[in-house]
PDB file of N, CA and C in Angstrom:
ATOM      1  N   SER A   1     -28.598 -87.573  27.375  1.00  0.00           N
ATOM      2  CA  SER A   1     -27.410 -86.863  26.936  1.00  0.00           C
ATOM      3  C   SER A   1     -27.058 -85.779  27.935  1.00  0.00           C
ATOM      4  N   PRO A   2     -25.807 -85.340  27.983  1.00  0.00           N
ATOM      5  CA  PRO A   2     -25.435 -84.263  28.903  1.00  0.00           C
ATOM      6  C   PRO A   2     -26.228 -82.986  28.672  1.00  0.00           C
ATOM      7  N   ILE A   3     -26.546 -82.685  27.409  1.00  0.00           N
ATOM      8  CA  ILE A   3     -27.343 -81.487  27.147  1.00  0.00           C
ATOM      9  C   ILE A   3     -28.736 -81.662  27.727  1.00  0.00           C
ATOM     10  N   ALA A   4     -29.315 -82.837  27.541  1.00  0.00           N
ATOM     11  CA  ALA A   4     -30.634 -83.093  28.107  1.00  0.00           C
ATOM     12  C   ALA A   4     -30.585 -83.028  29.624  1.00  0.00           C
ATOM     13  N   LEU A   5     -29.534 -83.584  30.225  1.00  0.00           N
ATOM     14  CA  LEU A   5     -29.407 -83.535  31.680  1.00  0.00           C
ATOM     15  C   LEU A   5     -29.256 -82.106  32.174  1.00  0.00           C
ATOM     16  N   ALA A   6     -28.478 -81.298  31.456  1.00  0.00           N
ATOM     17  CA  ALA A   6     -28.276 -79.907  31.859  1.00  0.00           C
ATOM     18  C   ALA A   6     -29.568 -79.115  31.779  1.00  0.00           C
ATOM     19  N   SER A   7     -30.463 -79.514  30.870  1.00  0.00           N
ATOM     20  CA  SER A   7     -31.724 -78.796  30.733  1.00  0.00           C
ATOM     21  C   SER A   7     -32.844 -79.453  31.524  1.00  0.00           C
ATOM     22  N   GLY A   8     -32.509 -80.463  32.340  1.00  0.00           N
ATOM     23  CA  GLY A   8     -33.508 -81.097  33.185  1.00  0.00           C
ATOM     24  C   GLY A   8     -34.142 -82.336  32.578  1.00  0.00           C
ATOM     25  N   GLN A   9     -33.746 -82.737  31.365  1.00  0.00           N
ATOM     26  CA  GLN A   9     -34.274 -83.942  30.749  1.00  0.00           C
ATOM     27  C   GLN A   9     -33.333 -85.096  31.055  1.00  0.00           C
ATOM     28  N   SER A  10     -33.860 -86.318  31.084  1.00  0.00           N
ATOM     29  CA  SER A  10     -33.014 -87.452  31.439  1.00  0.00           C
ATOM     30  C   SER A  10     -32.909 -88.485  30.329  1.00  0.00           C
ATOM     31  N   GLU A  11     -33.447 -88.223  29.151  1.00  0.00           N
ATOM     32  CA  GLU A  11     -33.430 -89.225  28.097  1.00  0.00           C
ATOM     33  C   GLU A  11     -32.553 -88.797  26.927  1.00  0.00           C
ATOM     34  N   TYR A  12     -32.138 -89.778  26.156  1.00  0.00           N
ATOM     35  CA  TYR A  12     -31.368 -89.537  24.938  1.00  0.00           C
ATOM     36  C   TYR A  12     -32.369 -89.080  23.893  1.00  0.00           C
ATOM     37  N   GLY A  13     -32.290 -87.831  23.462  1.00  0.00           N
ATOM     38  CA  GLY A  13     -33.321 -87.208  22.645  1.00  0.00           C
ATOM     39  C   GLY A  13     -33.333 -87.631  21.192  1.00  0.00           C
ATOM     40  N   PHE A  14     -34.405 -87.244  20.509  1.00  0.00           N
ATOM     41  CA  PHE A  14     -34.597 -87.566  19.101  1.00  0.00           C
ATOM     42  C   PHE A  14     -33.471 -87.006  18.240  1.00  0.00           C
ATOM     43  N   ALA A  15     -33.089 -85.750  18.484  1.00  0.00           N
ATOM     44  CA  ALA A  15     -32.027 -85.129  17.683  1.00  0.00           C
ATOM     45  C   ALA A  15     -30.720 -85.894  17.825  1.00  0.00           C
ATOM     46  N   GLU A  16     -30.385 -86.323  19.033  1.00  0.00           N
ATOM     47  CA  GLU A  16     -29.153 -87.095  19.239  1.00  0.00           C
ATOM     48  C   GLU A  16     -29.218 -88.422  18.486  1.00  0.00           C
ATOM     49  N   LYS A  17     -30.392 -89.064  18.476  1.00  0.00           N
ATOM     50  CA  LYS A  17     -30.540 -90.339  17.769  1.00  0.00           C
ATOM     51  C   LYS A  17     -30.393 -90.158  16.262  1.00  0.00           C
ATOM     52  N   VAL A  18     -30.897 -89.042  15.733  1.00  0.00           N
ATOM     53  CA  VAL A  18     -30.827 -88.798  14.292  1.00  0.00           C
ATOM     54  C   VAL A  18     -29.390 -88.601  13.838  1.00  0.00           C
ATOM     55  N   VAL A  19     -28.592 -87.837  14.574  1.00  0.00           N
ATOM     56  CA  VAL A  19     -27.231 -87.523  14.134  1.00  0.00           C
ATOM     57  C   VAL A  19     -26.186 -88.501  14.646  1.00  0.00           C
ATOM     58  N   GLU A  20     -26.579 -89.479  15.434  1.00  0.00           N
ATOM     59  CA  GLU A  20     -25.644 -90.466  15.966  1.00  0.00           C
ATOM     60  C   GLU A  20     -24.900 -91.165  14.831  1.00  0.00           C
ATOM     61  N   GLY A  21     -23.597 -91.133  14.874  1.00  0.00           N
ATOM     62  CA  GLY A  21     -22.782 -91.829  13.890  1.00  0.00           C
ATOM     63  C   GLY A  21     -22.617 -91.107  12.561  1.00  0.00           C
ATOM     64  N   MET A  22     -23.214 -89.936  12.405  1.00  0.00           N
ATOM     65  CA  MET A  22     -23.077 -89.194  11.151  1.00  0.00           C
ATOM     66  C   MET A  22     -21.770 -88.412  11.134  1.00  0.00           C
ATOM     67  N   PHE A  23     -21.271 -88.174   9.951  1.00  0.00           N
ATOM     68  CA  PHE A  23     -20.139 -87.276   9.772  1.00  0.00           C
ATOM     69  C   PHE A  23     -20.327 -86.547   8.452  1.00  0.00           C
ATOM     70  N   ILE A  24     -19.580 -85.482   8.265  1.00  0.00           N
ATOM     71  CA  ILE A  24     -19.713 -84.668   7.060  1.00  0.00           C
ATOM     72  C   ILE A  24     -18.352 -84.557   6.379  1.00  0.00           C
ATOM     73  N   ILE A  25     -18.366 -84.638   5.053  1.00  0.00           N
ATOM     74  CA  ILE A  25     -17.154 -84.457   4.257  1.00  0.00           C
ATOM     75  C   ILE A  25     -17.436 -83.345   3.247  1.00  0.00           C
ATOM     76  N   VAL A  26     -16.578 -82.337   3.229  1.00  0.00           N
ATOM     77  CA  VAL A  26     -16.700 -81.220   2.294  1.00  0.00           C
ATOM     78  C   VAL A  26     -15.462 -81.246   1.405  1.00  0.00           C
ATOM     79  N   ASN A  27     -15.658 -81.305   0.104  1.00  0.00           N
ATOM     80  CA  ASN A  27     -14.523 -81.376  -0.816  1.00  0.00           C
ATOM     81  C   ASN A  27     -13.758 -80.069  -0.916  1.00  0.00           C
ATOM     82  N   SER A  28     -14.465 -78.934  -0.947  1.00  0.00           N
ATOM     83  CA  SER A  28     -13.767 -77.669  -1.158  1.00  0.00           C
ATOM     84  C   SER A  28     -14.599 -76.496  -0.651  1.00  0.00           C
ATOM     85  N   ILE A  29     -13.935 -75.555   0.009  1.00  0.00           N
ATOM     86  CA  ILE A  29     -14.542 -74.296   0.434  1.00  0.00           C
ATOM     87  C   ILE A  29     -13.581 -73.184   0.027  1.00  0.00           C
ATOM     88  N   THR A  30     -14.104 -72.174  -0.648  1.00  0.00           N
ATOM     89  CA  THR A  30     -13.298 -71.013  -1.024  1.00  0.00           C
ATOM     90  C   THR A  30     -13.832 -69.793  -0.295  1.00  0.00           C
ATOM     91  N   ILE A  31     -12.941 -69.086   0.382  1.00  0.00           N
ATOM     92  CA  ILE A  31     -13.286 -67.866   1.109  1.00  0.00           C
ATOM     93  C   ILE A  31     -12.543 -66.716   0.444  1.00  0.00           C
ATOM     94  N   LYS A  32     -13.288 -65.724  -0.031  1.00  0.00           N
ATOM     95  CA  LYS A  32     -12.673 -64.569  -0.699  1.00  0.00           C
ATOM     96  C   LYS A  32     -12.965 -63.316   0.111  1.00  0.00           C
ATOM     97  N   ILE A  33     -11.935 -62.503   0.317  1.00  0.00           N
ATOM     98  CA  ILE A  33     -12.053 -61.247   1.051  1.00  0.00           C
ATOM     99  C   ILE A  33     -11.609 -60.124   0.123  1.00  0.00           C
ATOM    100  N   HIS A  34     -12.486 -59.145  -0.063  1.00  0.00           N
ATOM    101  CA  HIS A  34     -12.172 -57.993  -0.912  1.00  0.00           C
ATOM    102  C   HIS A  34     -12.357 -56.721  -0.092  1.00  0.00           C
ATOM    103  N   SER A  35     -11.332 -55.898  -0.054  1.00  0.00           N
ATOM    104  CA  SER A  35     -11.427 -54.592   0.597  1.00  0.00           C
ATOM    105  C   SER A  35     -10.614 -53.597  -0.219  1.00  0.00           C
ATOM    106  N   LYS A  36     -10.690 -52.337   0.143  1.00  0.00           N
ATOM    107  CA  LYS A  36      -9.910 -51.322  -0.577  1.00  0.00           C
ATOM    108  C   LYS A  36      -8.408 -51.531  -0.376  1.00  0.00           C
ATOM    109  N   ALA A  37      -8.021 -52.076   0.780  1.00  0.00           N
ATOM    110  CA  ALA A  37      -6.602 -52.245   1.102  1.00  0.00           C
ATOM    111  C   ALA A  37      -5.990 -53.500   0.481  1.00  0.00           C
ATOM    112  N   PHE A  38      -6.758 -54.572   0.364  1.00  0.00           N
ATOM    113  CA  PHE A  38      -6.191 -55.820  -0.154  1.00  0.00           C
ATOM    114  C   PHE A  38      -7.295 -56.774  -0.602  1.00  0.00           C
ATOM    115  N   HIS A  39      -6.869 -57.818  -1.306  1.00  0.00           N
ATOM    116  CA  HIS A  39      -7.733 -58.922  -1.709  1.00  0.00           C
ATOM    117  C   HIS A  39      -7.072 -60.202  -1.204  1.00  0.00           C
ATOM    118  N   ALA A  40      -7.870 -61.127  -0.721  1.00  0.00           N
ATOM    119  CA  ALA A  40      -7.329 -62.400  -0.242  1.00  0.00           C
ATOM    120  C   ALA A  40      -8.285 -63.524  -0.624  1.00  0.00           C
ATOM    121  N   SER A  41      -7.725 -64.700  -0.766  1.00  0.00           N
ATOM    122  CA  SER A  41      -8.518 -65.876  -1.080  1.00  0.00           C
ATOM    123  C   SER A  41      -7.919 -67.071  -0.347  1.00  0.00           C
ATOM    124  N   PHE A  42      -8.768 -67.835   0.304  1.00  0.00           N
ATOM    125  CA  PHE A  42      -8.345 -69.044   1.010  1.00  0.00           C
ATOM    126  C   PHE A  42      -9.170 -70.198   0.476  1.00  0.00           C
ATOM    127  N   GLU A  43      -8.526 -71.329   0.256  1.00  0.00           N
ATOM    128  CA  GLU A  43      -9.260 -72.506  -0.181  1.00  0.00           C
ATOM    129  C   GLU A  43      -8.921 -73.671   0.744  1.00  0.00           C
ATOM    130  N   LEU A  44      -9.953 -74.309   1.248  1.00  0.00           N
ATOM    131  CA  LEU A  44      -9.798 -75.464   2.137  1.00  0.00           C
ATOM    132  C   LEU A  44     -10.289 -76.700   1.390  1.00  0.00           C
ATOM    133  N   TRP A  45      -9.514 -77.782   1.457  1.00  0.00           N
ATOM    134  CA  TRP A  45      -9.829 -79.005   0.731  1.00  0.00           C
ATOM    135  C   TRP A  45     -10.006 -80.176   1.687  1.00  0.00           C
ATOM    136  N   GLN A  46     -10.849 -81.099   1.294  1.00  0.00           N
ATOM    137  CA  GLN A  46     -11.028 -82.383   1.978  1.00  0.00           C
ATOM    138  C   GLN A  46     -11.248 -82.227   3.485  1.00  0.00           C
ATOM    139  N   LEU A  47     -12.257 -81.467   3.855  1.00  0.00           N
ATOM    140  CA  LEU A  47     -12.587 -81.279   5.266  1.00  0.00           C
ATOM    141  C   LEU A  47     -13.511 -82.393   5.729  1.00  0.00           C
ATOM    142  N   GLN A  48     -13.288 -82.884   6.942  1.00  0.00           N
ATOM    143  CA  GLN A  48     -14.154 -83.893   7.536  1.00  0.00           C
ATOM    144  C   GLN A  48     -14.585 -83.417   8.908  1.00  0.00           C
ATOM    145  N   GLY A  49     -15.836 -83.635   9.226  1.00  0.00           N
ATOM    146  CA  GLY A  49     -16.338 -83.263  10.541  1.00  0.00           C
ATOM    147  C   GLY A  49     -17.048 -84.435  11.193  1.00  0.00           C
ATOM    148  N   TYR A  50     -16.707 -84.720  12.423  1.00  0.00           N
ATOM    149  CA  TYR A  50     -17.342 -85.793  13.175  1.00  0.00           C
ATOM    150  C   TYR A  50     -17.142 -85.525  14.657  1.00  0.00           C
ATOM    151  N   SER A  51     -17.944 -86.166  15.481  1.00  0.00           N
ATOM    152  CA  SER A  51     -17.854 -85.975  16.928  1.00  0.00           C
ATOM    153  C   SER A  51     -16.772 -86.865  17.519  1.00  0.00           C
ATOM    154  N   VAL A  52     -16.039 -86.318  18.465  1.00  0.00           N
ATOM    155  CA  VAL A  52     -14.998 -87.069  19.164  1.00  0.00           C
ATOM    156  C   VAL A  52     -15.194 -86.938  20.669  1.00  0.00           C
ATOM    157  N   ASN A  53     -14.597 -87.858  21.406  1.00  0.00           N
ATOM    158  CA  ASN A  53     -14.652 -87.787  22.867  1.00  0.00           C
ATOM    159  C   ASN A  53     -13.468 -86.954  23.377  1.00  0.00           C
ATOM    160  N   PRO A  54     -13.345 -86.746  24.683  1.00  0.00           N
ATOM    161  CA  PRO A  54     -12.230 -85.944  25.203  1.00  0.00           C
ATOM    162  C   PRO A  54     -10.838 -86.492  24.874  1.00  0.00           C
ATOM    163  N   ASN A  55     -10.747 -87.767  24.447  1.00  0.00           N
ATOM    164  CA  ASN A  55      -9.463 -88.354  24.041  1.00  0.00           C
ATOM    165  C   ASN A  55      -9.250 -88.260  22.529  1.00  0.00           C
ATOM    166  N   TRP A  56     -10.071 -87.493  21.837  1.00  0.00           N
ATOM    167  CA  TRP A  56     -10.007 -87.238  20.406  1.00  0.00           C
ATOM    168  C   TRP A  56     -10.219 -88.492  19.568  1.00  0.00           C
ATOM    169  N   GLN A  57     -11.056 -89.418  20.046  1.00  0.00           N
ATOM    170  CA  GLN A  57     -11.417 -90.610  19.288  1.00  0.00           C
ATOM    171  C   GLN A  57     -12.874 -90.481  18.868  1.00  0.00           C
ATOM    172  N   GLN A  58     -13.212 -90.956  17.638  1.00  0.00           N
ATOM    173  CA  GLN A  58     -14.614 -90.933  17.224  1.00  0.00           C
ATOM    174  C   GLN A  58     -15.415 -91.723  18.234  1.00  0.00           C
ATOM    175  N   SER A  59     -16.580 -91.191  18.594  1.00  0.00           N
ATOM    176  CA  SER A  59     -17.312 -91.809  19.683  1.00  0.00           C
ATOM    177  C   SER A  59     -18.807 -91.551  19.567  1.00  0.00           C
ATOM    178  N   ASP A  60     -19.574 -92.311  20.332  1.00  0.00           N
ATOM    179  CA  ASP A  60     -21.006 -92.125  20.511  1.00  0.00           C
ATOM    180  C   ASP A  60     -21.256 -90.691  20.982  1.00  0.00           C
ATOM    181  N   LEU A  61     -22.285 -90.045  20.458  1.00  0.00           N
ATOM    182  CA  LEU A  61     -22.552 -88.653  20.819  1.00  0.00           C
ATOM    183  C   LEU A  61     -22.717 -88.445  22.318  1.00  0.00           C
ATOM    184  N   ARG A  62     -23.200 -89.461  23.022  1.00  0.00           N
ATOM    185  CA  ARG A  62     -23.388 -89.327  24.471  1.00  0.00           C
ATOM    186  C   ARG A  62     -22.063 -89.142  25.198  1.00  0.00           C
ATOM    187  N   LEU A  63     -20.956 -89.510  24.560  1.00  0.00           N
ATOM    188  CA  LEU A  63     -19.641 -89.437  25.193  1.00  0.00           C
ATOM    189  C   LEU A  63     -18.790 -88.291  24.655  1.00  0.00           C
ATOM    190  N   THR A  64     -19.374 -87.403  23.848  1.00  0.00           N
ATOM    191  CA  THR A  64     -18.595 -86.341  23.210  1.00  0.00           C
ATOM    192  C   THR A  64     -18.752 -84.991  23.889  1.00  0.00           C
ATOM    193  N   ARG A  65     -19.351 -84.970  25.059  1.00  0.00           N
ATOM    194  CA  ARG A  65     -19.573 -83.709  25.772  1.00  0.00           C
ATOM    195  C   ARG A  65     -19.179 -83.859  27.232  1.00  0.00           C
ATOM    196  N   ILE A  66     -18.720 -82.759  27.813  1.00  0.00           N
ATOM    197  CA  ILE A  66     -18.455 -82.701  29.249  1.00  0.00           C
ATOM    198  C   ILE A  66     -19.379 -81.634  29.814  1.00  0.00           C
ATOM    199  N   THR A  67     -20.144 -81.991  30.838  1.00  0.00           N
ATOM    200  CA  THR A  67     -21.089 -81.061  31.452  1.00  0.00           C
ATOM    201  C   THR A  67     -20.531 -80.529  32.757  1.00  0.00           C
ATOM    202  N   ASP A  68     -20.631 -79.222  32.959  1.00  0.00           N
ATOM    203  CA  ASP A  68     -20.282 -78.590  34.233  1.00  0.00           C
ATOM    204  C   ASP A  68     -21.588 -78.197  34.907  1.00  0.00           C
ATOM    205  N   PRO A  69     -22.084 -79.027  35.843  1.00  0.00           N
ATOM    206  CA  PRO A  69     -23.387 -78.759  36.461  1.00  0.00           C
ATOM    207  C   PRO A  69     -23.404 -77.491  37.305  1.00  0.00           C
ATOM    208  N   HIS A  70     -22.252 -77.074  37.816  1.00  0.00           N
ATOM    209  CA  HIS A  70     -22.206 -75.871  38.652  1.00  0.00           C
ATOM    210  C   HIS A  70     -22.386 -74.606  37.819  1.00  0.00           C
ATOM    211  N   ARG A  71     -21.853 -74.613  36.612  1.00  0.00           N
ATOM    212  CA  ARG A  71     -21.951 -73.435  35.744  1.00  0.00           C
ATOM    213  C   ARG A  71     -23.065 -73.572  34.715  1.00  0.00           C
ATOM    214  N   GLY A  72     -23.621 -74.785  34.577  1.00  0.00           N
ATOM    215  CA  GLY A  72     -24.671 -75.010  33.592  1.00  0.00           C
ATOM    216  C   GLY A  72     -24.169 -74.935  32.163  1.00  0.00           C
ATOM    217  N   GLU A  73     -22.913 -75.317  31.941  1.00  0.00           N
ATOM    218  CA  GLU A  73     -22.309 -75.244  30.614  1.00  0.00           C
ATOM    219  C   GLU A  73     -21.967 -76.639  30.107  1.00  0.00           C
ATOM    220  N   VAL A  74     -21.954 -76.782  28.783  1.00  0.00           N
ATOM    221  CA  VAL A  74     -21.609 -78.043  28.147  1.00  0.00           C
ATOM    222  C   VAL A  74     -20.481 -77.782  27.156  1.00  0.00           C
ATOM    223  N   LEU A  75     -19.382 -78.556  27.259  1.00  0.00           N
ATOM    224  CA  LEU A  75     -18.263 -78.467  26.326  1.00  0.00           C
ATOM    225  C   LEU A  75     -18.414 -79.610  25.328  1.00  0.00           C
ATOM    226  N   THR A  76     -18.529 -79.277  24.040  1.00  0.00           N
ATOM    227  CA  THR A  76     -18.715 -80.275  22.997  1.00  0.00           C
ATOM    228  C   THR A  76     -17.430 -80.416  22.199  1.00  0.00           C
ATOM    229  N   PHE A  77     -17.008 -81.667  21.934  1.00  0.00           N
ATOM    230  CA  PHE A  77     -15.792 -81.934  21.170  1.00  0.00           C
ATOM    231  C   PHE A  77     -16.143 -82.222  19.731  1.00  0.00           C
TER     232      PHE A  77
END
């Protein structure tokens, strides 16, 4: 994986194999903010999370990151 390569490893790691192809669905999240000046509440419904490639398509985890070897940084989609 690009993360493994950036850290000097060359193999597709155990963690990547475990989460490969997984996604998460959350039915509802409520965020409440209380202060002396105001009160606010936000509710988010039907959230889905999954890995995508740079073209915003669901993809193998190995293809969902761009590595910058000069800066040692990894951009994850």
